[in-house]
């Protein structure tokens, strides 16, 4: 299996969405990146595979119990986060 950087140099695998967190639409993310600064972007691309990514504007993020809680624009509730 090729590493992510060998598949497409324009994208980096920095984490995996585990589940929604709370009722406001935050996402609990397992962090793969060694530096949290990689999450500090205006836009992130999320998807099940590289050829099915969707662009999301980042509204906020914070550390929580060894994970990251990510808030995305236009995701304003638990149902939308699913």
PDB file of N, CA and C in Angstrom:
ATOM      1  N   UNK A   1       0.844  -1.183   0.000  1.00  0.00           N
ATOM      2  CA  UNK A   1       0.000   0.000   0.000  1.00  0.00           C
ATOM      3  C   UNK A   1       0.887   1.244   0.000  1.00  0.00           C
ATOM      4  N   UNK A   2       0.550   2.177  -0.844  1.00  0.00           N
ATOM      5  CA  UNK A   2       1.316   3.423  -0.914  1.00  0.00           C
ATOM      6  C   UNK A   2       0.953   4.323   0.241  1.00  0.00           C
ATOM      7  N   UNK A   3       1.909   5.091   0.692  1.00  0.00           N
ATOM      8  CA  UNK A   3       1.630   6.101   1.699  1.00  0.00           C
ATOM      9  C   UNK A   3       0.817   7.220   1.066  1.00  0.00           C
ATOM     10  N   UNK A   4       0.097   7.961   1.895  1.00  0.00           N
ATOM     11  CA  UNK A   4      -0.778   9.024   1.407  1.00  0.00           C
ATOM     12  C   UNK A   4      -0.029  10.023   0.539  1.00  0.00           C
ATOM     13  N   UNK A   5       1.163  10.437   0.936  1.00  0.00           N
ATOM     14  CA  UNK A   5       1.902  11.449   0.186  1.00  0.00           C
ATOM     15  C   UNK A   5       2.312  10.937  -1.185  1.00  0.00           C
ATOM     16  N   UNK A   6       2.439   9.605  -1.352  1.00  0.00           N
ATOM     17  CA  UNK A   6       2.780   9.053  -2.658  1.00  0.00           C
ATOM     18  C   UNK A   6       1.567   8.960  -3.570  1.00  0.00           C
ATOM     19  N   UNK A   7       0.374   8.884  -2.990  1.00  0.00           N
ATOM     20  CA  UNK A   7      -0.844   8.784  -3.790  1.00  0.00           C
ATOM     21  C   UNK A   7      -1.172  10.103  -4.474  1.00  0.00           C
ATOM     22  N   UNK A   8      -1.141  11.171  -3.735  1.00  0.00           N
ATOM     23  CA  UNK A   8      -1.458  12.487  -4.278  1.00  0.00           C
ATOM     24  C   UNK A   8      -0.742  13.527  -3.429  1.00  0.00           C
ATOM     25  N   UNK A   9       0.227  14.203  -3.990  1.00  0.00           N
ATOM     26  CA  UNK A   9       1.018  15.149  -3.194  1.00  0.00           C
ATOM     27  C   UNK A   9       0.241  16.382  -2.741  1.00  0.00           C
ATOM     28  N   UNK A  10      -0.968  16.597  -3.271  1.00  0.00           N
ATOM     29  CA  UNK A  10      -1.742  17.779  -2.914  1.00  0.00           C
ATOM     30  C   UNK A  10      -2.565  17.615  -1.640  1.00  0.00           C
ATOM     31  N   UNK A  11      -2.745  16.388  -1.173  1.00  0.00           N
ATOM     32  CA  UNK A  11      -3.546  16.125   0.013  1.00  0.00           C
ATOM     33  C   UNK A  11      -2.720  15.387   1.046  1.00  0.00           C
ATOM     34  N   UNK A  12      -3.054  15.625   2.316  1.00  0.00           N
ATOM     35  CA  UNK A  12      -2.412  14.917   3.421  1.00  0.00           C
ATOM     36  C   UNK A  12      -3.483  14.307   4.301  1.00  0.00           C
ATOM     37  N   UNK A  13      -3.274  13.094   4.710  1.00  0.00           N
ATOM     38  CA  UNK A  13      -4.165  12.443   5.657  1.00  0.00           C
ATOM     39  C   UNK A  13      -3.740  12.898   7.049  1.00  0.00           C
ATOM     40  N   UNK A  14      -4.582  13.706   7.700  1.00  0.00           N
ATOM     41  CA  UNK A  14      -4.200  14.266   8.998  1.00  0.00           C
ATOM     42  C   UNK A  14      -5.048  13.722  10.139  1.00  0.00           C
ATOM     43  N   UNK A  15      -6.110  13.008   9.822  1.00  0.00           N
ATOM     44  CA  UNK A  15      -6.945  12.460  10.876  1.00  0.00           C
ATOM     45  C   UNK A  15      -8.116  11.692  10.308  1.00  0.00           C
ATOM     46  N   UNK A  16      -8.890  11.115  11.230  1.00  0.00           N
ATOM     47  CA  UNK A  16     -10.065  10.329  10.843  1.00  0.00           C
ATOM     48  C   UNK A  16     -11.229  10.755  11.721  1.00  0.00           C
ATOM     49  N   UNK A  17     -12.348  11.076  11.093  1.00  0.00           N
ATOM     50  CA  UNK A  17     -13.550  11.447  11.831  1.00  0.00           C
ATOM     51  C   UNK A  17     -14.095  10.182  12.493  1.00  0.00           C
ATOM     52  N   UNK A  18     -14.242  10.244  13.813  1.00  0.00           N
ATOM     53  CA  UNK A  18     -14.725   9.090  14.564  1.00  0.00           C
ATOM     54  C   UNK A  18     -16.237   9.090  14.710  1.00  0.00           C
ATOM     55  N   UNK A  19     -16.786  10.254  15.096  1.00  0.00           N
ATOM     56  CA  UNK A  19     -18.233  10.346  15.317  1.00  0.00           C
ATOM     57  C   UNK A  19     -18.595  11.794  15.635  1.00  0.00           C
ATOM     58  N   UNK A  20     -19.890  12.103  15.603  1.00  0.00           N
ATOM     59  CA  UNK A  20     -20.314  13.426  16.064  1.00  0.00           C
ATOM     60  C   UNK A  20     -20.074  13.550  17.565  1.00  0.00           C
ATOM     61  N   UNK A  21     -19.924  14.782  18.029  1.00  0.00           N
ATOM     62  CA  UNK A  21     -19.724  15.047  19.453  1.00  0.00           C
ATOM     63  C   UNK A  21     -20.719  16.106  19.887  1.00  0.00           C
ATOM     64  N   UNK A  22     -21.576  15.767  20.813  1.00  0.00           N
ATOM     65  CA  UNK A  22     -22.543  16.733  21.327  1.00  0.00           C
ATOM     66  C   UNK A  22     -23.674  17.003  20.351  1.00  0.00           C
ATOM     67  N   UNK A  23     -24.420  18.066  20.624  1.00  0.00           N
ATOM     68  CA  UNK A  23     -25.605  18.384  19.819  1.00  0.00           C
ATOM     69  C   UNK A  23     -25.393  19.551  18.873  1.00  0.00           C
ATOM     70  N   UNK A  24     -24.222  20.192  18.920  1.00  0.00           N
ATOM     71  CA  UNK A  24     -23.969  21.384  18.088  1.00  0.00           C
ATOM     72  C   UNK A  24     -23.307  21.072  16.753  1.00  0.00           C
ATOM     73  N   UNK A  25     -23.043  19.796  16.473  1.00  0.00           N
ATOM     74  CA  UNK A  25     -22.474  19.448  15.178  1.00  0.00           C
ATOM     75  C   UNK A  25     -20.969  19.321  15.142  1.00  0.00           C
ATOM     76  N   UNK A  26     -20.311  19.330  16.308  1.00  0.00           N
ATOM     77  CA  UNK A  26     -18.866  19.119  16.310  1.00  0.00           C
ATOM     78  C   UNK A  26     -18.556  17.674  15.932  1.00  0.00           C
ATOM     79  N   UNK A  27     -17.379  17.464  15.364  1.00  0.00           N
ATOM     80  CA  UNK A  27     -16.921  16.126  14.999  1.00  0.00           C
ATOM     81  C   UNK A  27     -15.722  15.752  15.851  1.00  0.00           C
ATOM     82  N   UNK A  28     -15.732  14.544  16.391  1.00  0.00           N
ATOM     83  CA  UNK A  28     -14.580  14.029  17.136  1.00  0.00           C
ATOM     84  C   UNK A  28     -13.635  13.401  16.123  1.00  0.00           C
ATOM     85  N   UNK A  29     -12.372  13.839  16.130  1.00  0.00           N
ATOM     86  CA  UNK A  29     -11.390  13.419  15.136  1.00  0.00           C
ATOM     87  C   UNK A  29     -10.179  12.789  15.809  1.00  0.00           C
ATOM     88  N   UNK A  30      -9.794  11.623  15.334  1.00  0.00           N
ATOM     89  CA  UNK A  30      -8.545  10.989  15.745  1.00  0.00           C
ATOM     90  C   UNK A  30      -7.429  11.617  14.910  1.00  0.00           C
ATOM     91  N   UNK A  31      -6.408  12.111  15.560  1.00  0.00           N
ATOM     92  CA  UNK A  31      -5.348  12.848  14.883  1.00  0.00           C
ATOM     93  C   UNK A  31      -4.224  11.903  14.462  1.00  0.00           C
ATOM     94  N   UNK A  32      -3.860  11.949  13.174  1.00  0.00           N
ATOM     95  CA  UNK A  32      -2.715  11.203  12.654  1.00  0.00           C
ATOM     96  C   UNK A  32      -1.506  12.119  12.493  1.00  0.00           C
ATOM     97  N   UNK A  33      -1.768  13.393  12.269  1.00  0.00           N
ATOM     98  CA  UNK A  33      -0.692  14.360  12.028  1.00  0.00           C
ATOM     99  C   UNK A  33       0.121  14.558  13.302  1.00  0.00           C
ATOM    100  N   UNK A  34       1.401  14.710  13.139  1.00  0.00           N
ATOM    101  CA  UNK A  34       2.272  14.951  14.289  1.00  0.00           C
ATOM    102  C   UNK A  34       2.147  16.382  14.796  1.00  0.00           C
ATOM    103  N   UNK A  35       1.758  17.287  13.932  1.00  0.00           N
ATOM    104  CA  UNK A  35       1.631  18.690  14.302  1.00  0.00           C
ATOM    105  C   UNK A  35       0.182  19.139  14.177  1.00  0.00           C
ATOM    106  N   UNK A  36      -0.350  19.694  15.252  1.00  0.00           N
ATOM    107  CA  UNK A  36      -1.722  20.204  15.230  1.00  0.00           C
ATOM    108  C   UNK A  36      -1.882  21.350  14.243  1.00  0.00           C
ATOM    109  N   UNK A  37      -0.806  22.004  13.882  1.00  0.00           N
ATOM    110  CA  UNK A  37      -0.872  23.123  12.941  1.00  0.00           C
ATOM    111  C   UNK A  37      -1.469  22.693  11.605  1.00  0.00           C
ATOM    112  N   UNK A  38      -1.372  21.422  11.252  1.00  0.00           N
ATOM    113  CA  UNK A  38      -1.959  20.952   9.998  1.00  0.00           C
ATOM    114  C   UNK A  38      -3.478  21.068  10.005  1.00  0.00           C
ATOM    115  N   UNK A  39      -4.087  21.055  11.190  1.00  0.00           N
ATOM    116  CA  UNK A  39      -5.534  21.242  11.289  1.00  0.00           C
ATOM    117  C   UNK A  39      -5.921  22.714  11.202  1.00  0.00           C
ATOM    118  N   UNK A  40      -4.979  23.599  11.404  1.00  0.00           N
ATOM    119  CA  UNK A  40      -5.253  25.026  11.432  1.00  0.00           C
ATOM    120  C   UNK A  40      -5.343  25.569  10.009  1.00  0.00           C
ATOM    121  N   UNK A  41      -6.400  25.194   9.326  1.00  0.00           N
ATOM    122  CA  UNK A  41      -6.638  25.573   7.936  1.00  0.00           C
ATOM    123  C   UNK A  41      -8.007  26.230   7.823  1.00  0.00           C
ATOM    124  N   UNK A  42      -8.196  27.017   6.799  1.00  0.00           N
ATOM    125  CA  UNK A  42      -9.513  27.599   6.548  1.00  0.00           C
ATOM    126  C   UNK A  42     -10.453  26.574   5.936  1.00  0.00           C
ATOM    127  N   UNK A  43      -9.880  25.616   5.203  1.00  0.00           N
ATOM    128  CA  UNK A  43     -10.665  24.604   4.501  1.00  0.00           C
ATOM    129  C   UNK A  43     -10.020  23.247   4.719  1.00  0.00           C
ATOM    130  N   UNK A  44     -10.858  22.227   4.955  1.00  0.00           N
ATOM    131  CA  UNK A  44     -10.406  20.837   4.994  1.00  0.00           C
ATOM    132  C   UNK A  44     -11.228  20.039   4.002  1.00  0.00           C
ATOM    133  N   UNK A  45     -10.656  18.974   3.492  1.00  0.00           N
ATOM    134  CA  UNK A  45     -11.344  18.085   2.578  1.00  0.00           C
ATOM    135  C   UNK A  45     -11.590  16.770   3.292  1.00  0.00           C
ATOM    136  N   UNK A  46     -12.865  16.364   3.349  1.00  0.00           N
ATOM    137  CA  UNK A  46     -13.249  15.144   4.038  1.00  0.00           C
ATOM    138  C   UNK A  46     -13.920  14.192   3.064  1.00  0.00           C
ATOM    139  N   UNK A  47     -13.682  12.911   3.250  1.00  0.00           N
ATOM    140  CA  UNK A  47     -14.348  11.923   2.425  1.00  0.00           C
ATOM    141  C   UNK A  47     -13.854  10.530   2.716  1.00  0.00           C
ATOM    142  N   UNK A  48     -14.615   9.539   2.254  1.00  0.00           N
ATOM    143  CA  UNK A  48     -14.236   8.153   2.506  1.00  0.00           C
ATOM    144  C   UNK A  48     -13.034   7.687   1.689  1.00  0.00           C
ATOM    145  N   UNK A  49     -12.825   8.321   0.559  1.00  0.00           N
ATOM    146  CA  UNK A  49     -11.696   7.993  -0.314  1.00  0.00           C
ATOM    147  C   UNK A  49     -11.206   9.262  -0.993  1.00  0.00           C
ATOM    148  N   UNK A  50      -9.988   9.206  -1.484  1.00  0.00           N
ATOM    149  CA  UNK A  50      -9.375  10.380  -2.106  1.00  0.00           C
ATOM    150  C   UNK A  50     -10.199  10.910  -3.276  1.00  0.00           C
ATOM    151  N   UNK A  51     -10.838  10.034  -4.031  1.00  0.00           N
ATOM    152  CA  UNK A  51     -11.609  10.481  -5.199  1.00  0.00           C
ATOM    153  C   UNK A  51     -13.027  10.930  -4.833  1.00  0.00           C
ATOM    154  N   UNK A  52     -13.352  10.951  -3.527  1.00  0.00           N
ATOM    155  CA  UNK A  52     -14.694  11.363  -3.105  1.00  0.00           C
ATOM    156  C   UNK A  52     -14.641  12.420  -1.995  1.00  0.00           C
ATOM    157  N   UNK A  53     -13.702  13.323  -2.086  1.00  0.00           N
ATOM    158  CA  UNK A  53     -13.538  14.350  -1.068  1.00  0.00           C
ATOM    159  C   UNK A  53     -14.504  15.511  -1.276  1.00  0.00           C
ATOM    160  N   UNK A  54     -14.960  16.079  -0.167  1.00  0.00           N
ATOM    161  CA  UNK A  54     -15.789  17.275  -0.212  1.00  0.00           C
ATOM    162  C   UNK A  54     -15.083  18.361   0.596  1.00  0.00           C
ATOM    163  N   UNK A  55     -15.199  19.582   0.129  1.00  0.00           N
ATOM    164  CA  UNK A  55     -14.572  20.720   0.796  1.00  0.00           C
ATOM    165  C   UNK A  55     -15.491  21.260   1.895  1.00  0.00           C
ATOM    166  N   UNK A  56     -14.900  21.537   3.061  1.00  0.00           N
ATOM    167  CA  UNK A  56     -15.628  22.107   4.188  1.00  0.00           C
ATOM    168  C   UNK A  56     -14.839  23.277   4.761  1.00  0.00           C
ATOM    169  N   UNK A  57     -15.531  24.367   5.041  1.00  0.00           N
ATOM    170  CA  UNK A  57     -14.898  25.511   5.708  1.00  0.00           C
ATOM    171  C   UNK A  57     -14.821  25.216   7.203  1.00  0.00           C
ATOM    172  N   UNK A  58     -13.664  25.468   7.780  1.00  0.00           N
ATOM    173  CA  UNK A  58     -13.438  25.212   9.204  1.00  0.00           C
ATOM    174  C   UNK A  58     -13.834  26.441  10.012  1.00  0.00           C
ATOM    175  N   UNK A  59     -14.689  26.245  11.010  1.00  0.00           N
ATOM    176  CA  UNK A  59     -15.071  27.343  11.906  1.00  0.00           C
ATOM    177  C   UNK A  59     -14.286  27.307  13.202  1.00  0.00           C
ATOM    178  N   UNK A  60     -13.861  26.134  13.610  1.00  0.00           N
ATOM    179  CA  UNK A  60     -13.101  26.056  14.860  1.00  0.00           C
ATOM    180  C   UNK A  60     -12.635  24.654  15.148  1.00  0.00           C
ATOM    181  N   UNK A  61     -11.673  24.561  16.046  1.00  0.00           N
ATOM    182  CA  UNK A  61     -11.215  23.266  16.531  1.00  0.00           C
ATOM    183  C   UNK A  61     -10.622  23.446  17.905  1.00  0.00           C
ATOM    184  N   UNK A  62     -10.678  22.357  18.669  1.00  0.00           N
ATOM    185  CA  UNK A  62     -10.115  22.384  20.012  1.00  0.00           C
ATOM    186  C   UNK A  62      -9.739  20.974  20.425  1.00  0.00           C
ATOM    187  N   UNK A  63      -8.757  20.887  21.286  1.00  0.00           N
ATOM    188  CA  UNK A  63      -8.331  19.601  21.815  1.00  0.00           C
ATOM    189  C   UNK A  63      -9.323  19.143  22.877  1.00  0.00           C
ATOM    190  N   UNK A  64      -9.564  17.819  22.917  1.00  0.00           N
ATOM    191  CA  UNK A  64     -10.482  17.251  23.902  1.00  0.00           C
ATOM    192  C   UNK A  64     -10.143  15.787  24.119  1.00  0.00           C
ATOM    193  N   UNK A  65      -9.627  15.464  25.289  1.00  0.00           N
ATOM    194  CA  UNK A  65      -9.328  14.088  25.693  1.00  0.00           C
ATOM    195  C   UNK A  65      -8.491  13.330  24.657  1.00  0.00           C
ATOM    196  N   UNK A  66      -7.427  13.963  24.188  1.00  0.00           N
ATOM    197  CA  UNK A  66      -6.526  13.317  23.248  1.00  0.00           C
ATOM    198  C   UNK A  66      -7.011  13.286  21.810  1.00  0.00           C
ATOM    199  N   UNK A  67      -8.124  13.907  21.537  1.00  0.00           N
ATOM    200  CA  UNK A  67      -8.688  13.991  20.185  1.00  0.00           C
ATOM    201  C   UNK A  67      -8.868  15.470  19.842  1.00  0.00           C
ATOM    202  N   UNK A  68      -9.371  15.730  18.645  1.00  0.00           N
ATOM    203  CA  UNK A  68      -9.712  17.089  18.223  1.00  0.00           C
ATOM    204  C   UNK A  68     -11.205  17.159  18.003  1.00  0.00           C
ATOM    205  N   UNK A  69     -11.838  18.222  18.485  1.00  0.00           N
ATOM    206  CA  UNK A  69     -13.232  18.501  18.168  1.00  0.00           C
ATOM    207  C   UNK A  69     -13.236  19.571  17.095  1.00  0.00           C
ATOM    208  N   UNK A  70     -13.793  19.239  15.962  1.00  0.00           N
ATOM    209  CA  UNK A  70     -13.764  20.075  14.767  1.00  0.00           C
ATOM    210  C   UNK A  70     -15.153  20.627  14.498  1.00  0.00           C
ATOM    211  N   UNK A  71     -15.236  21.939  14.275  1.00  0.00           N
ATOM    212  CA  UNK A  71     -16.496  22.592  13.920  1.00  0.00           C
ATOM    213  C   UNK A  71     -16.390  23.067  12.476  1.00  0.00           C
ATOM    214  N   UNK A  72     -17.358  22.644  11.659  1.00  0.00           N
ATOM    215  CA  UNK A  72     -17.375  22.999  10.241  1.00  0.00           C
ATOM    216  C   UNK A  72     -18.537  23.940   9.952  1.00  0.00           C
ATOM    217  N   UNK A  73     -18.342  24.841   9.005  1.00  0.00           N
ATOM    218  CA  UNK A  73     -19.414  25.748   8.580  1.00  0.00           C
ATOM    219  C   UNK A  73     -20.560  24.923   8.001  1.00  0.00           C
ATOM    220  N   UNK A  74     -21.766  25.359   8.220  1.00  0.00           N
ATOM    221  CA  UNK A  74     -22.979  24.732   7.694  1.00  0.00           C
ATOM    222  C   UNK A  74     -23.247  23.347   8.282  1.00  0.00           C
ATOM    223  N   UNK A  75     -22.541  22.968   9.331  1.00  0.00           N
ATOM    224  CA  UNK A  75     -22.849  21.740  10.070  1.00  0.00           C
ATOM    225  C   UNK A  75     -23.248  22.211  11.458  1.00  0.00           C
ATOM    226  N   UNK A  76     -24.564  22.373  11.662  1.00  0.00           N
ATOM    227  CA  UNK A  76     -25.025  23.049  12.864  1.00  0.00           C
ATOM    228  C   UNK A  76     -25.813  22.154  13.819  1.00  0.00           C
ATOM    229  N   UNK A  77     -25.734  20.877  13.648  1.00  0.00           N
ATOM    230  CA  UNK A  77     -26.428  19.977  14.562  1.00  0.00           C
ATOM    231  C   UNK A  77     -25.904  18.563  14.426  1.00  0.00           C
ATOM    232  N   UNK A  78     -26.275  17.732  15.376  1.00  0.00           N
ATOM    233  CA  UNK A  78     -25.790  16.352  15.382  1.00  0.00           C
ATOM    234  C   UNK A  78     -26.186  15.598  14.103  1.00  0.00           C
ATOM    235  N   UNK A  79     -27.398  15.796  13.628  1.00  0.00           N
ATOM    236  CA  UNK A  79     -27.848  15.106  12.420  1.00  0.00           C
ATOM    237  C   UNK A  79     -27.017  15.510  11.210  1.00  0.00           C
ATOM    238  N   UNK A  80     -26.690  16.781  11.100  1.00  0.00           N
ATOM    239  CA  UNK A  80     -25.866  17.260   9.986  1.00  0.00           C
ATOM    240  C   UNK A  80     -24.452  16.712  10.076  1.00  0.00           C
ATOM    241  N   UNK A  81     -23.954  16.502  11.294  1.00  0.00           N
ATOM    242  CA  UNK A  81     -22.601  15.981  11.489  1.00  0.00           C
ATOM    243  C   UNK A  81     -22.511  14.504  11.117  1.00  0.00           C
ATOM    244  N   UNK A  82     -23.609  13.780  11.236  1.00  0.00           N
ATOM    245  CA  UNK A  82     -23.615  12.364  10.847  1.00  0.00           C
ATOM    246  C   UNK A  82     -23.383  12.269   9.366  1.00  0.00           C
TER     247      UNK A  82
END
